[in-house]
Amino acid sequence: MHLVGDLCDDLARSVAFLSRIPMPQRHFAGHDGRLSRAVRTFPLAGILIASPAALLAALLDMLQASSLFTAFLIVGVQALVTGALHEDGLGDTADGLGGGRDRESALAIMKDSRIGTYAAVALILSFGLRVSALAAFLPLLSSLGAASALLGTAALSRAAMVWHWSRLPPARRDGVAAAAGIPEPRATSQAIGSSVILSLLLFYAAGIPVIATLAAFAAFALTVLGFGRIVSHKLGGHTGDTIGATQQLTEIAVLGALALAI
């Protein structure tokens, strides 16, 4: 029972960290705000956070709504549930990496709340690529399949955050990610391992072909590793913004792989 209670506490903290979904205060009693162990539940938290969008996708499929209309609503609901948290990270990261002359200027730009040209372009591409990918493959799946594909993608993209977070040191000591702590090695392994198992089961339930599933996993890994190298070279470590950007980029990559391979 104690282990179950700890898992529930970690899951509630992860959901609260990654979204605007209110969680009971009992899960935060005596908590210091660090997520070093709680990150193990990020994939499951991603599934819970994406559930409203998945249910909407299934409902609209049963109503035979336009795939483009459905895709826009799905992405909109996801941004609403998360408070556009990850989109904010992507925009700030794009401005910092694109406009910063060196590490210090890039980090200073990323702390600026204003949206620059790079952020605007990145956000337009993020929404556009996700919507177009969803519109391409959702009509090829059943109602249950559409929902399952979204949930599997959500699990992978949240595990990508943990992977990126654990691979790089903090770029600054006063950031949100630094205050939340470094993921424990065991928690990182649990997050990545559980995301693979959950997404495999969900993609299988969705009826996604093996080749498309393999393409999605390849996109997942290549995105995390490739983006991590760019961030390491430019910033010397992760920030809360780059962690959020990793979620967005991985989601785009996985959805794009499914659109191309299904």
C-alpha atoms as a PDB file:
ATOM      1  CA  MET A   1       0.000   0.000   0.000  1.00  0.00           C
ATOM      2  CA  HIS A   2       2.876   2.340   0.771  1.00  0.00           C
ATOM      3  CA  LEU A   3       4.312   1.800  -2.722  1.00  0.00           C
ATOM      4  CA  VAL A   4       0.921   2.450  -4.297  1.00  0.00           C
ATOM      5  CA  GLY A   5       0.548   5.615  -2.246  1.00  0.00           C
ATOM      6  CA  ASP A   6       3.976   6.867  -3.342  1.00  0.00           C
ATOM      7  CA  LEU A   7       3.125   6.139  -6.968  1.00  0.00           C
ATOM      8  CA  CYS A   8      -0.173   8.039  -6.702  1.00  0.00           C
ATOM      9  CA  ASP A   9       1.615  10.992  -5.092  1.00  0.00           C
ATOM     10  CA  ASP A  10       4.229  11.047  -7.840  1.00  0.00           C
ATOM     11  CA  LEU A  11       1.559  10.818 -10.537  1.00  0.00           C
ATOM     12  CA  ALA A  12      -0.441  13.687  -9.042  1.00  0.00           C
ATOM     13  CA  ARG A  13       2.691  15.837  -8.821  1.00  0.00           C
ATOM     14  CA  SER A  14       3.596  15.043 -12.420  1.00  0.00           C
ATOM     15  CA  VAL A  15       0.123  15.891 -13.695  1.00  0.00           C
ATOM     16  CA  ALA A  16       0.142  19.156 -11.738  1.00  0.00           C
ATOM     17  CA  PHE A  17       3.600  20.035 -13.091  1.00  0.00           C
ATOM     18  CA  LEU A  18       2.732  19.239 -16.704  1.00  0.00           C
ATOM     19  CA  SER A  19      -0.797  20.641 -16.906  1.00  0.00           C
ATOM     20  CA  ARG A  20      -3.482  22.819 -15.392  1.00  0.00           C
ATOM     21  CA  ILE A  21      -5.480  19.871 -14.110  1.00  0.00           C
ATOM     22  CA  PRO A  22      -6.117  20.461 -10.377  1.00  0.00           C
ATOM     23  CA  MET A  23      -4.840  17.734  -8.065  1.00  0.00           C
ATOM     24  CA  PRO A  24      -5.864  17.045  -4.421  1.00  0.00           C
ATOM     25  CA  GLN A  25      -3.614  18.873  -1.962  1.00  0.00           C
ATOM     26  CA  ARG A  26      -3.010  15.712   0.069  1.00  0.00           C
ATOM     27  CA  HIS A  27      -0.535  14.576  -2.587  1.00  0.00           C
ATOM     28  CA  PHE A  28       1.670  17.597  -1.884  1.00  0.00           C
ATOM     29  CA  ALA A  29       1.836  17.436   1.914  1.00  0.00           C
ATOM     30  CA  GLY A  30       5.458  17.837   2.957  1.00  0.00           C
ATOM     31  CA  HIS A  31       6.630  17.924  -0.661  1.00  0.00           C
ATOM     32  CA  ASP A  32       9.667  20.127  -1.374  1.00  0.00           C
ATOM     33  CA  GLY A  33       8.818  20.691  -5.034  1.00  0.00           C
ATOM     34  CA  ARG A  34      11.495  18.388  -6.405  1.00  0.00           C
ATOM     35  CA  LEU A  35      10.517  15.889  -9.098  1.00  0.00           C
ATOM     36  CA  SER A  36      13.626  13.702  -9.171  1.00  0.00           C
ATOM     37  CA  ARG A  37      11.597  10.561  -8.471  1.00  0.00           C
ATOM     38  CA  ALA A  38       8.188  11.715  -9.689  1.00  0.00           C
ATOM     39  CA  VAL A  39       9.407  11.894 -13.301  1.00  0.00           C
ATOM     40  CA  ARG A  40       8.985   8.104 -13.454  1.00  0.00           C
ATOM     41  CA  THR A  41       5.251   8.764 -13.893  1.00  0.00           C
ATOM     42  CA  PHE A  42       5.580  11.335 -16.706  1.00  0.00           C
ATOM     43  CA  PRO A  43       4.439   8.879 -19.433  1.00  0.00           C
ATOM     44  CA  LEU A  44       1.328   7.911 -17.462  1.00  0.00           C
ATOM     45  CA  ALA A  45       0.704  11.572 -16.649  1.00  0.00           C
ATOM     46  CA  GLY A  46       0.942  12.318 -20.364  1.00  0.00           C
ATOM     47  CA  ILE A  47      -1.733   9.731 -21.073  1.00  0.00           C
ATOM     48  CA  LEU A  48      -4.055  11.251 -18.466  1.00  0.00           C
ATOM     49  CA  ILE A  49      -3.419  14.764 -19.775  1.00  0.00           C
ATOM     50  CA  ALA A  50      -4.100  13.693 -23.372  1.00  0.00           C
ATOM     51  CA  SER A  51      -7.264  11.756 -22.462  1.00  0.00           C
ATOM     52  CA  PRO A  52      -9.697  14.653 -23.098  1.00  0.00           C
ATOM     53  CA  ALA A  53      -8.247  15.140 -26.587  1.00  0.00           C
ATOM     54  CA  ALA A  54      -8.315  11.384 -27.224  1.00  0.00           C
ATOM     55  CA  LEU A  55     -11.968  11.132 -26.190  1.00  0.00           C
ATOM     56  CA  LEU A  56     -12.787  14.088 -28.414  1.00  0.00           C
ATOM     57  CA  ALA A  57     -10.994  12.434 -31.343  1.00  0.00           C
ATOM     58  CA  ALA A  58     -13.022   9.241 -30.879  1.00  0.00           C
ATOM     59  CA  LEU A  59     -16.297  11.152 -30.602  1.00  0.00           C
ATOM     60  CA  LEU A  60     -15.678  13.289 -33.673  1.00  0.00           C
ATOM     61  CA  ASP A  61     -14.675  10.199 -35.653  1.00  0.00           C
ATOM     62  CA  MET A  62     -17.981   8.551 -34.756  1.00  0.00           C
ATOM     63  CA  LEU A  63     -19.749  11.729 -35.870  1.00  0.00           C
ATOM     64  CA  GLN A  64     -17.767  11.589 -39.146  1.00  0.00           C
ATOM     65  CA  ALA A  65     -16.430  15.101 -38.663  1.00  0.00           C
ATOM     66  CA  SER A  66     -13.845  16.519 -41.043  1.00  0.00           C
ATOM     67  CA  SER A  67     -10.376  15.203 -40.248  1.00  0.00           C
ATOM     68  CA  LEU A  68      -8.881  18.708 -40.493  1.00  0.00           C
ATOM     69  CA  PHE A  69     -11.513  20.119 -38.132  1.00  0.00           C
ATOM     70  CA  THR A  70     -10.889  17.227 -35.734  1.00  0.00           C
ATOM     71  CA  ALA A  71      -7.128  17.737 -35.843  1.00  0.00           C
ATOM     72  CA  PHE A  72      -7.405  21.440 -35.010  1.00  0.00           C
ATOM     73  CA  LEU A  73      -9.721  20.721 -32.080  1.00  0.00           C
ATOM     74  CA  ILE A  74      -7.407  17.998 -30.750  1.00  0.00           C
ATOM     75  CA  VAL A  75      -4.387  20.294 -30.758  1.00  0.00           C
ATOM     76  CA  GLY A  76      -6.454  23.110 -29.267  1.00  0.00           C
ATOM     77  CA  VAL A  77      -7.731  20.945 -26.407  1.00  0.00           C
ATOM     78  CA  GLN A  78      -4.205  19.723 -25.654  1.00  0.00           C
ATOM     79  CA  ALA A  79      -2.927  23.300 -25.449  1.00  0.00           C
ATOM     80  CA  LEU A  80      -5.848  24.244 -23.211  1.00  0.00           C
ATOM     81  CA  VAL A  81      -5.270  21.363 -20.786  1.00  0.00           C
ATOM     82  CA  THR A  82      -1.540  22.047 -20.516  1.00  0.00           C
ATOM     83  CA  GLY A  83      -1.928  25.818 -20.455  1.00  0.00           C
ATOM     84  CA  ALA A  84       0.285  25.867 -23.580  1.00  0.00           C
ATOM     85  CA  LEU A  85       3.171  25.096 -21.221  1.00  0.00           C
ATOM     86  CA  HIS A  86       5.189  23.130 -23.754  1.00  0.00           C
ATOM     87  CA  GLU A  87       4.423  25.567 -26.571  1.00  0.00           C
ATOM     88  CA  ASP A  88       5.814  28.334 -24.374  1.00  0.00           C
ATOM     89  CA  GLY A  89       8.994  26.312 -23.904  1.00  0.00           C
ATOM     90  CA  LEU A  90       9.315  25.742 -27.634  1.00  0.00           C
ATOM     91  CA  GLY A  91       8.865  29.431 -28.413  1.00  0.00           C
ATOM     92  CA  ASP A  92      11.405  30.604 -25.836  1.00  0.00           C
ATOM     93  CA  THR A  93      13.900  27.959 -26.934  1.00  0.00           C
ATOM     94  CA  ALA A  94      13.533  28.915 -30.588  1.00  0.00           C
ATOM     95  CA  ASP A  95      14.173  32.570 -29.771  1.00  0.00           C
ATOM     96  CA  GLY A  96      17.187  31.718 -27.622  1.00  0.00           C
ATOM     97  CA  LEU A  97      18.809  29.270 -29.997  1.00  0.00           C
ATOM     98  CA  GLY A  98      17.999  31.338 -33.064  1.00  0.00           C
ATOM     99  CA  GLY A  99      18.759  34.808 -31.775  1.00  0.00           C
ATOM    100  CA  GLY A 100      21.441  34.261 -29.155  1.00  0.00           C
ATOM    101  CA  ARG A 101      24.999  35.076 -30.211  1.00  0.00           C
ATOM    102  CA  ASP A 102      26.465  33.009 -27.370  1.00  0.00           C
ATOM    103  CA  ARG A 103      25.345  31.041 -24.315  1.00  0.00           C
ATOM    104  CA  GLU A 104      24.741  34.074 -22.102  1.00  0.00           C
ATOM    105  CA  SER A 105      22.742  36.012 -24.679  1.00  0.00           C
ATOM    106  CA  ALA A 106      20.701  32.916 -25.577  1.00  0.00           C
ATOM    107  CA  LEU A 107      19.765  32.309 -21.933  1.00  0.00           C
ATOM    108  CA  ALA A 108      18.893  35.994 -21.474  1.00  0.00           C
ATOM    109  CA  ILE A 109      16.611  35.901 -24.523  1.00  0.00           C
ATOM    110  CA  MET A 110      14.909  32.751 -23.234  1.00  0.00           C
ATOM    111  CA  LYS A 111      13.995  34.534 -19.976  1.00  0.00           C
ATOM    112  CA  ASP A 112      12.322  37.352 -21.918  1.00  0.00           C
ATOM    113  CA  SER A 113       8.552  36.809 -22.012  1.00  0.00           C
ATOM    114  CA  ARG A 114       8.147  38.564 -25.356  1.00  0.00           C
ATOM    115  CA  ILE A 115       7.650  36.494 -28.527  1.00  0.00           C
ATOM    116  CA  GLY A 116      10.292  36.980 -31.197  1.00  0.00           C
ATOM    117  CA  THR A 117      10.402  36.013 -34.847  1.00  0.00           C
ATOM    118  CA  TYR A 118      11.934  32.610 -34.213  1.00  0.00           C
ATOM    119  CA  ALA A 119       9.297  31.788 -31.589  1.00  0.00           C
ATOM    120  CA  ALA A 120       6.465  32.841 -33.886  1.00  0.00           C
ATOM    121  CA  VAL A 121       7.768  30.700 -36.737  1.00  0.00           C
ATOM    122  CA  ALA A 122       8.371  27.718 -34.427  1.00  0.00           C
ATOM    123  CA  LEU A 123       4.846  27.886 -32.988  1.00  0.00           C
ATOM    124  CA  ILE A 124       3.230  28.240 -36.416  1.00  0.00           C
ATOM    125  CA  LEU A 125       5.174  25.198 -37.622  1.00  0.00           C
ATOM    126  CA  SER A 126       4.399  23.236 -34.456  1.00  0.00           C
ATOM    127  CA  PHE A 127       0.648  23.687 -34.755  1.00  0.00           C
ATOM    128  CA  GLY A 128       0.678  23.306 -38.513  1.00  0.00           C
ATOM    129  CA  LEU A 129       2.762  20.140 -38.596  1.00  0.00           C
ATOM    130  CA  ARG A 130       0.788  18.459 -35.819  1.00  0.00           C
ATOM    131  CA  VAL A 131      -2.562  19.350 -37.360  1.00  0.00           C
ATOM    132  CA  SER A 132      -1.534  18.228 -40.841  1.00  0.00           C
ATOM    133  CA  ALA A 133      -0.063  14.949 -39.531  1.00  0.00           C
ATOM    134  CA  LEU A 134      -3.189  14.169 -37.514  1.00  0.00           C
ATOM    135  CA  ALA A 135      -5.436  15.027 -40.451  1.00  0.00           C
ATOM    136  CA  ALA A 136      -3.385  12.655 -42.619  1.00  0.00           C
ATOM    137  CA  PHE A 137      -3.601   9.487 -40.536  1.00  0.00           C
ATOM    138  CA  LEU A 138      -6.634   9.783 -38.241  1.00  0.00           C
ATOM    139  CA  PRO A 139      -9.101   8.958 -41.065  1.00  0.00           C
ATOM    140  CA  LEU A 140      -7.196   5.694 -41.581  1.00  0.00           C
ATOM    141  CA  LEU A 141      -7.887   4.520 -38.029  1.00  0.00           C
ATOM    142  CA  SER A 142     -11.011   3.540 -36.136  1.00  0.00           C
ATOM    143  CA  SER A 143     -12.425   5.714 -33.353  1.00  0.00           C
ATOM    144  CA  LEU A 144     -10.585   3.622 -30.765  1.00  0.00           C
ATOM    145  CA  GLY A 145      -7.480   3.649 -32.937  1.00  0.00           C
ATOM    146  CA  ALA A 146      -7.424   7.439 -33.175  1.00  0.00           C
ATOM    147  CA  ALA A 147      -7.691   7.785 -29.401  1.00  0.00           C
ATOM    148  CA  SER A 148      -5.037   5.125 -28.772  1.00  0.00           C
ATOM    149  CA  ALA A 149      -2.582   6.699 -31.217  1.00  0.00           C
ATOM    150  CA  LEU A 150      -2.876  10.040 -29.432  1.00  0.00           C
ATOM    151  CA  LEU A 151      -2.335   8.442 -26.026  1.00  0.00           C
ATOM    152  CA  GLY A 152       0.698   6.481 -27.208  1.00  0.00           C
ATOM    153  CA  THR A 153       2.226   9.638 -28.645  1.00  0.00           C
ATOM    154  CA  ALA A 154       1.572  11.466 -25.381  1.00  0.00           C
ATOM    155  CA  ALA A 155       3.414   8.779 -23.407  1.00  0.00           C
ATOM    156  CA  LEU A 156       6.464   8.933 -25.675  1.00  0.00           C
ATOM    157  CA  SER A 157       6.664  12.730 -25.749  1.00  0.00           C
ATOM    158  CA  ARG A 158       6.575  12.982 -21.931  1.00  0.00           C
ATOM    159  CA  ALA A 159       9.271  10.326 -21.591  1.00  0.00           C
ATOM    160  CA  ALA A 160      11.321  12.383 -24.040  1.00  0.00           C
ATOM    161  CA  MET A 161      11.216  15.246 -21.540  1.00  0.00           C
ATOM    162  CA  VAL A 162      12.721  13.031 -18.826  1.00  0.00           C
ATOM    163  CA  TRP A 163      15.368  11.676 -21.184  1.00  0.00           C
ATOM    164  CA  HIS A 164      16.456  15.176 -22.241  1.00  0.00           C
ATOM    165  CA  TRP A 165      16.332  16.391 -18.633  1.00  0.00           C
ATOM    166  CA  SER A 166      18.522  13.552 -17.391  1.00  0.00           C
ATOM    167  CA  ARG A 167      21.126  13.685 -20.178  1.00  0.00           C
ATOM    168  CA  LEU A 168      22.182  17.323 -19.706  1.00  0.00           C
ATOM    169  CA  PRO A 169      23.187  19.369 -16.648  1.00  0.00           C
ATOM    170  CA  PRO A 170      21.201  22.492 -15.740  1.00  0.00           C
ATOM    171  CA  ALA A 171      22.194  25.467 -17.891  1.00  0.00           C
ATOM    172  CA  ARG A 172      21.498  27.818 -14.994  1.00  0.00           C
ATOM    173  CA  ARG A 173      21.119  27.344 -11.262  1.00  0.00           C
ATOM    174  CA  ASP A 174      18.043  29.515 -10.754  1.00  0.00           C
ATOM    175  CA  GLY A 175      15.760  27.933 -13.354  1.00  0.00           C
ATOM    176  CA  VAL A 176      12.572  25.931 -12.892  1.00  0.00           C
ATOM    177  CA  ALA A 177      14.244  22.712 -14.007  1.00  0.00           C
ATOM    178  CA  ALA A 178      17.164  23.210 -11.620  1.00  0.00           C
ATOM    179  CA  ALA A 179      14.787  23.799  -8.711  1.00  0.00           C
ATOM    180  CA  ALA A 180      12.874  20.625  -9.595  1.00  0.00           C
ATOM    181  CA  GLY A 181      16.070  18.574  -9.362  1.00  0.00           C
ATOM    182  CA  ILE A 182      17.794  16.112 -11.662  1.00  0.00           C
ATOM    183  CA  PRO A 183      15.852  12.925 -12.509  1.00  0.00           C
ATOM    184  CA  GLU A 184      17.097   9.907 -10.604  1.00  0.00           C
ATOM    185  CA  PRO A 185      18.693   7.293 -12.886  1.00  0.00           C
ATOM    186  CA  ARG A 186      16.181   4.651 -11.815  1.00  0.00           C
ATOM    187  CA  ALA A 187      13.259   7.041 -12.344  1.00  0.00           C
ATOM    188  CA  THR A 188      14.589   7.905 -15.795  1.00  0.00           C
ATOM    189  CA  SER A 189      14.831   4.233 -16.748  1.00  0.00           C
ATOM    190  CA  GLN A 190      11.321   3.621 -15.443  1.00  0.00           C
ATOM    191  CA  ALA A 191       9.953   6.569 -17.428  1.00  0.00           C
ATOM    192  CA  ILE A 192      11.552   5.511 -20.701  1.00  0.00           C
ATOM    193  CA  GLY A 193      10.782   1.820 -20.193  1.00  0.00           C
ATOM    194  CA  SER A 194       7.150   2.382 -19.245  1.00  0.00           C
ATOM    195  CA  SER A 195       6.626   4.767 -22.166  1.00  0.00           C
ATOM    196  CA  VAL A 196       7.876   2.136 -24.608  1.00  0.00           C
ATOM    197  CA  ILE A 197       5.590  -0.535 -23.150  1.00  0.00           C
ATOM    198  CA  LEU A 198       2.554   1.743 -22.937  1.00  0.00           C
ATOM    199  CA  SER A 199       2.980   3.148 -26.441  1.00  0.00           C
ATOM    200  CA  LEU A 200       3.548  -0.337 -27.889  1.00  0.00           C
ATOM    201  CA  LEU A 201       0.291  -1.520 -26.339  1.00  0.00           C
ATOM    202  CA  LEU A 202      -1.589   1.588 -27.422  1.00  0.00           C
ATOM    203  CA  PHE A 203      -0.253   1.537 -30.984  1.00  0.00           C
ATOM    204  CA  TYR A 204      -1.146  -2.150 -31.200  1.00  0.00           C
ATOM    205  CA  ALA A 205      -4.664  -1.387 -29.947  1.00  0.00           C
ATOM    206  CA  ALA A 206      -4.866   1.366 -32.565  1.00  0.00           C
ATOM    207  CA  GLY A 207      -4.101  -1.114 -35.332  1.00  0.00           C
ATOM    208  CA  ILE A 208      -0.968   0.770 -36.366  1.00  0.00           C
ATOM    209  CA  PRO A 209       1.303  -1.333 -38.629  1.00  0.00           C
ATOM    210  CA  VAL A 210       4.624  -2.566 -37.258  1.00  0.00           C
ATOM    211  CA  ILE A 211       6.613  -0.445 -39.708  1.00  0.00           C
ATOM    212  CA  ALA A 212       4.798   2.688 -38.569  1.00  0.00           C
ATOM    213  CA  THR A 213       5.399   1.819 -34.917  1.00  0.00           C
ATOM    214  CA  LEU A 214       9.104   1.327 -35.582  1.00  0.00           C
ATOM    215  CA  ALA A 215       9.215   4.640 -37.449  1.00  0.00           C
ATOM    216  CA  ALA A 216       7.573   6.371 -34.483  1.00  0.00           C
ATOM    217  CA  PHE A 217      10.136   4.945 -32.052  1.00  0.00           C
ATOM    218  CA  ALA A 218      12.998   5.924 -34.354  1.00  0.00           C
ATOM    219  CA  ALA A 219      11.615   9.459 -34.593  1.00  0.00           C
ATOM    220  CA  PHE A 220      11.322   9.559 -30.799  1.00  0.00           C
ATOM    221  CA  ALA A 221      14.942   8.564 -30.214  1.00  0.00           C
ATOM    222  CA  LEU A 222      16.494  10.627 -32.992  1.00  0.00           C
ATOM    223  CA  THR A 223      14.632  13.762 -31.924  1.00  0.00           C
ATOM    224  CA  VAL A 224      15.710  13.551 -28.287  1.00  0.00           C
ATOM    225  CA  LEU A 225      19.341  12.774 -29.138  1.00  0.00           C
ATOM    226  CA  GLY A 226      19.614  15.306 -31.970  1.00  0.00           C
ATOM    227  CA  PHE A 227      17.950  18.164 -30.107  1.00  0.00           C
ATOM    228  CA  GLY A 228      19.980  17.347 -27.000  1.00  0.00           C
ATOM    229  CA  ARG A 229      23.214  17.793 -28.951  1.00  0.00           C
ATOM    230  CA  ILE A 230      22.076  21.165 -30.279  1.00  0.00           C
ATOM    231  CA  VAL A 231      21.081  22.372 -26.810  1.00  0.00           C
ATOM    232  CA  SER A 232      24.304  21.090 -25.259  1.00  0.00           C
ATOM    233  CA  HIS A 233      26.416  22.873 -27.861  1.00  0.00           C
ATOM    234  CA  LYS A 234      24.518  26.165 -27.613  1.00  0.00           C
ATOM    235  CA  LEU A 235      23.544  26.354 -23.944  1.00  0.00           C
ATOM    236  CA  GLY A 236      25.749  23.818 -22.187  1.00  0.00           C
ATOM    237  CA  GLY A 237      22.750  22.249 -20.480  1.00  0.00           C
ATOM    238  CA  HIS A 238      18.984  22.028 -20.209  1.00  0.00           C
ATOM    239  CA  THR A 239      16.433  24.560 -19.023  1.00  0.00           C
ATOM    240  CA  GLY A 240      12.728  24.281 -18.327  1.00  0.00           C
ATOM    241  CA  ASP A 241      12.153  25.724 -21.782  1.00  0.00           C
ATOM    242  CA  THR A 242      14.273  23.118 -23.568  1.00  0.00           C
ATOM    243  CA  ILE A 243      12.495  20.350 -21.655  1.00  0.00           C
ATOM    244  CA  GLY A 244       9.154  21.691 -22.889  1.00  0.00           C
ATOM    245  CA  ALA A 245      10.532  22.105 -26.396  1.00  0.00           C
ATOM    246  CA  THR A 246      11.613  18.470 -26.350  1.00  0.00           C
ATOM    247  CA  GLN A 247       8.011  17.414 -25.756  1.00  0.00           C
ATOM    248  CA  GLN A 248       6.797  19.484 -28.684  1.00  0.00           C
ATOM    249  CA  LEU A 249       9.500  18.357 -31.084  1.00  0.00           C
ATOM    250  CA  THR A 250       9.043  14.701 -30.160  1.00  0.00           C
ATOM    251  CA  GLU A 251       5.287  14.916 -30.589  1.00  0.00           C
ATOM    252  CA  ILE A 252       5.750  16.495 -34.018  1.00  0.00           C
ATOM    253  CA  ALA A 253       8.284  13.822 -34.997  1.00  0.00           C
ATOM    254  CA  VAL A 254       6.171  10.880 -33.816  1.00  0.00           C
ATOM    255  CA  LEU A 255       2.978  12.182 -35.414  1.00  0.00           C
ATOM    256  CA  GLY A 256       4.903  12.904 -38.620  1.00  0.00           C
ATOM    257  CA  ALA A 257       6.317   9.370 -38.664  1.00  0.00           C
ATOM    258  CA  LEU A 258       2.859   7.904 -38.219  1.00  0.00           C
ATOM    259  CA  ALA A 259       1.476  10.115 -40.990  1.00  0.00           C
ATOM    260  CA  LEU A 260       4.194   8.943 -43.369  1.00  0.00           C
ATOM    261  CA  ALA A 261       4.160   5.245 -42.463  1.00  0.00           C
ATOM    262  CA  ILE A 262       0.527   4.306 -41.826  1.00  0.00           C
END
